[in-house]
Each structure stands twice: as C-alpha cells, then as structure tokens.
Amino acid sequence: MKSRVAEALDTLRKIGAPDPEIELQQMLDAIHVDTLAQKEPLFQKRYFMPILVAILIAVFNQCSGINAVL
C-alpha cells in the first residue's frame, strides 16, 4: 500500500512463498480493487438510529455494571 513493491517481493521470498511474484501480483490487484471501491460514510441520516441504539446500549452497559454480573 505504500508503493514498496521491491521490499514486499523480497519479504515474500524470505518467508518462503511458493511463487512470490504471483502472490505479490494478487496482493497488488486486491489493493487496487479496494482503492477503487467507494467508501460509504458511516455517519449518514439512515444510520442514525442504529448508531444511537449501539451507543445507548454501551452507555447502559457501563452505567449498570452488567459486566461484573456477567
């Protein structure tokens, strides 16, 4: 991900990968696919209620001391 392809190939050879060139190419392809995928922001209006419920459950959990009981 940091454009250090030569070091990655050297590392794959050192750890004994069966075919380091093919494995490196698969890694580069996976990184390329990940960077092309659009990132969806977490804090949107449609996620407000699930996020709020998760936060409220966490607050209740801390305030009630349920962890000690469990």
N, C-alpha and C. Protein backbone atom coordinates (compact mmCIF):
# COMPACT_ATOMS: atom_id res chain seq x y z
N MET A 1 0.83 -1.19 0.00
CA MET A 1 0.00 0.00 0.00
C MET A 1 0.87 1.26 0.00
N LYS A 2 2.11 1.14 0.39
CA LYS A 2 3.00 2.29 0.44
C LYS A 2 3.98 2.31 -0.72
N SER A 3 3.66 1.59 -1.79
CA SER A 3 4.46 1.54 -3.01
C SER A 3 5.87 1.02 -2.78
N ARG A 4 6.02 0.09 -1.88
CA ARG A 4 7.32 -0.54 -1.63
C ARG A 4 7.27 -1.97 -2.16
N VAL A 5 7.08 -2.08 -3.47
CA VAL A 5 6.86 -3.36 -4.12
C VAL A 5 8.11 -4.24 -4.05
N ALA A 6 9.28 -3.66 -4.25
CA ALA A 6 10.51 -4.44 -4.23
C ALA A 6 10.74 -5.06 -2.85
N GLU A 7 10.47 -4.29 -1.81
CA GLU A 7 10.63 -4.82 -0.45
C GLU A 7 9.62 -5.92 -0.17
N ALA A 8 8.41 -5.76 -0.68
CA ALA A 8 7.38 -6.78 -0.47
C ALA A 8 7.77 -8.08 -1.16
N LEU A 9 8.30 -7.97 -2.36
CA LEU A 9 8.74 -9.16 -3.09
C LEU A 9 9.89 -9.85 -2.35
N ASP A 10 10.82 -9.06 -1.86
CA ASP A 10 11.95 -9.62 -1.09
C ASP A 10 11.44 -10.32 0.17
N THR A 11 10.48 -9.73 0.85
CA THR A 11 9.92 -10.33 2.05
C THR A 11 9.21 -11.64 1.73
N LEU A 12 8.45 -11.66 0.65
CA LEU A 12 7.77 -12.90 0.26
C LEU A 12 8.78 -14.01 -0.04
N ARG A 13 9.89 -13.64 -0.65
CA ARG A 13 10.93 -14.64 -0.93
C ARG A 13 11.54 -15.15 0.38
N LYS A 14 11.74 -14.24 1.35
CA LYS A 14 12.36 -14.62 2.61
C LYS A 14 11.47 -15.56 3.44
N ILE A 15 10.15 -15.34 3.36
CA ILE A 15 9.27 -16.19 4.17
C ILE A 15 8.96 -17.51 3.47
N GLY A 16 9.46 -17.67 2.26
CA GLY A 16 9.33 -18.95 1.58
C GLY A 16 8.02 -19.15 0.84
N ALA A 17 7.48 -18.08 0.28
CA ALA A 17 6.26 -18.21 -0.51
C ALA A 17 6.54 -19.08 -1.73
N PRO A 18 5.62 -19.97 -2.10
CA PRO A 18 5.86 -20.87 -3.24
C PRO A 18 6.09 -20.14 -4.56
N ASP A 19 5.34 -19.09 -4.81
CA ASP A 19 5.51 -18.29 -6.03
C ASP A 19 5.32 -16.82 -5.66
N PRO A 20 6.39 -16.16 -5.23
CA PRO A 20 6.25 -14.80 -4.69
C PRO A 20 5.75 -13.78 -5.71
N GLU A 21 6.12 -13.94 -6.98
CA GLU A 21 5.68 -12.97 -7.99
C GLU A 21 4.17 -12.99 -8.17
N ILE A 22 3.60 -14.20 -8.24
CA ILE A 22 2.16 -14.32 -8.41
C ILE A 22 1.44 -13.83 -7.16
N GLU A 23 1.96 -14.17 -6.00
CA GLU A 23 1.33 -13.72 -4.75
C GLU A 23 1.38 -12.20 -4.62
N LEU A 24 2.50 -11.60 -5.01
CA LEU A 24 2.62 -10.14 -4.97
C LEU A 24 1.62 -9.50 -5.93
N GLN A 25 1.47 -10.08 -7.12
CA GLN A 25 0.52 -9.53 -8.08
C GLN A 25 -0.90 -9.63 -7.56
N GLN A 26 -1.23 -10.72 -6.87
CA GLN A 26 -2.56 -10.86 -6.28
C GLN A 26 -2.79 -9.81 -5.20
N MET A 27 -1.76 -9.55 -4.41
CA MET A 27 -1.87 -8.51 -3.39
C MET A 27 -2.08 -7.13 -4.02
N LEU A 28 -1.32 -6.84 -5.06
CA LEU A 28 -1.46 -5.54 -5.74
C LEU A 28 -2.84 -5.40 -6.37
N ASP A 29 -3.35 -6.48 -6.94
CA ASP A 29 -4.70 -6.45 -7.51
C ASP A 29 -5.75 -6.19 -6.43
N ALA A 30 -5.59 -6.84 -5.28
CA ALA A 30 -6.54 -6.66 -4.18
C ALA A 30 -6.51 -5.22 -3.66
N ILE A 31 -5.32 -4.65 -3.57
CA ILE A 31 -5.20 -3.26 -3.13
C ILE A 31 -5.85 -2.34 -4.15
N HIS A 32 -5.65 -2.63 -5.41
CA HIS A 32 -6.24 -1.81 -6.47
C HIS A 32 -7.76 -1.85 -6.41
N VAL A 33 -8.32 -3.03 -6.20
CA VAL A 33 -9.78 -3.17 -6.10
C VAL A 33 -10.30 -2.41 -4.89
N ASP A 34 -9.59 -2.50 -3.76
CA ASP A 34 -10.02 -1.81 -2.55
C ASP A 34 -10.01 -0.30 -2.72
N THR A 35 -9.01 0.23 -3.43
CA THR A 35 -8.94 1.67 -3.61
C THR A 35 -9.98 2.17 -4.60
N LEU A 36 -10.41 1.31 -5.49
CA LEU A 36 -11.44 1.72 -6.45
C LEU A 36 -12.83 1.72 -5.85
N ALA A 37 -13.03 0.89 -4.84
CA ALA A 37 -14.34 0.82 -4.20
C ALA A 37 -14.63 2.14 -3.49
N GLN A 38 -15.84 2.60 -3.64
CA GLN A 38 -16.22 3.85 -2.99
C GLN A 38 -16.43 3.59 -1.51
N LYS A 39 -15.91 4.50 -0.72
CA LYS A 39 -16.09 4.40 0.72
C LYS A 39 -17.39 5.11 1.09
N GLU A 40 -18.25 4.41 1.79
CA GLU A 40 -19.52 4.97 2.21
C GLU A 40 -19.35 5.54 3.62
N PRO A 41 -19.66 6.81 3.81
CA PRO A 41 -19.51 7.40 5.14
C PRO A 41 -20.43 6.73 6.16
N LEU A 42 -19.93 6.56 7.36
CA LEU A 42 -20.69 5.89 8.40
C LEU A 42 -21.79 6.77 8.96
N PHE A 43 -21.49 8.04 9.16
CA PHE A 43 -22.45 8.93 9.80
C PHE A 43 -23.36 9.56 8.75
N GLN A 44 -24.39 8.81 8.39
CA GLN A 44 -25.42 9.28 7.48
C GLN A 44 -26.74 9.28 8.23
N LYS A 45 -27.71 9.95 7.64
CA LYS A 45 -29.02 10.04 8.28
C LYS A 45 -29.66 8.66 8.45
N ARG A 46 -29.47 7.77 7.48
CA ARG A 46 -30.11 6.45 7.57
C ARG A 46 -29.46 5.56 8.63
N TYR A 47 -28.24 5.86 9.06
CA TYR A 47 -27.58 5.08 10.10
C TYR A 47 -27.72 5.70 11.48
N PHE A 48 -28.48 6.78 11.61
CA PHE A 48 -28.58 7.48 12.88
C PHE A 48 -29.15 6.59 13.97
N MET A 49 -30.26 5.93 13.70
CA MET A 49 -30.92 5.13 14.73
C MET A 49 -30.07 3.92 15.17
N PRO A 50 -29.49 3.13 14.26
CA PRO A 50 -28.66 2.00 14.73
C PRO A 50 -27.43 2.47 15.53
N ILE A 51 -26.82 3.57 15.11
CA ILE A 51 -25.66 4.08 15.85
C ILE A 51 -26.10 4.57 17.22
N LEU A 52 -27.22 5.26 17.27
CA LEU A 52 -27.73 5.76 18.55
C LEU A 52 -28.04 4.60 19.50
N VAL A 53 -28.68 3.56 19.00
CA VAL A 53 -29.01 2.40 19.83
C VAL A 53 -27.73 1.73 20.35
N ALA A 54 -26.73 1.59 19.48
CA ALA A 54 -25.47 0.97 19.90
C ALA A 54 -24.79 1.80 20.98
N ILE A 55 -24.79 3.11 20.84
CA ILE A 55 -24.18 3.97 21.85
C ILE A 55 -24.96 3.90 23.16
N LEU A 56 -26.28 3.92 23.08
CA LEU A 56 -27.09 3.85 24.29
C LEU A 56 -26.91 2.52 25.03
N ILE A 57 -26.79 1.43 24.28
CA ILE A 57 -26.54 0.13 24.91
C ILE A 57 -25.18 0.14 25.61
N ALA A 58 -24.19 0.72 24.97
CA ALA A 58 -22.86 0.78 25.58
C ALA A 58 -22.88 1.63 26.84
N VAL A 59 -23.59 2.76 26.81
CA VAL A 59 -23.69 3.62 27.98
C VAL A 59 -24.42 2.89 29.10
N PHE A 60 -25.52 2.25 28.79
CA PHE A 60 -26.27 1.49 29.79
C PHE A 60 -25.41 0.38 30.38
N ASN A 61 -24.66 -0.28 29.54
CA ASN A 61 -23.79 -1.36 29.97
C ASN A 61 -22.77 -0.86 30.98
N GLN A 62 -22.19 0.29 30.72
CA GLN A 62 -21.19 0.85 31.64
C GLN A 62 -21.84 1.36 32.93
N CYS A 63 -22.98 1.99 32.81
CA CYS A 63 -23.63 2.57 33.98
C CYS A 63 -24.23 1.51 34.90
N SER A 64 -24.70 0.42 34.34
CA SER A 64 -25.38 -0.58 35.17
C SER A 64 -24.41 -1.56 35.80
N GLY A 65 -23.19 -1.64 35.31
CA GLY A 65 -22.24 -2.60 35.84
C GLY A 65 -22.55 -4.01 35.45
N ILE A 66 -23.19 -4.19 34.32
CA ILE A 66 -23.61 -5.52 33.88
C ILE A 66 -22.40 -6.42 33.60
N ASN A 67 -21.27 -5.83 33.29
CA ASN A 67 -20.08 -6.63 33.04
C ASN A 67 -19.67 -7.42 34.28
N ALA A 68 -19.82 -6.83 35.44
CA ALA A 68 -19.46 -7.54 36.68
C ALA A 68 -20.41 -8.71 36.92
N VAL A 69 -21.67 -8.54 36.56
CA VAL A 69 -22.65 -9.61 36.75
C VAL A 69 -22.39 -10.76 35.79
N LEU A 70 -22.11 -10.41 34.54
CA LEU A 70 -21.87 -11.46 33.52
C LEU A 70 -20.56 -12.15 33.80
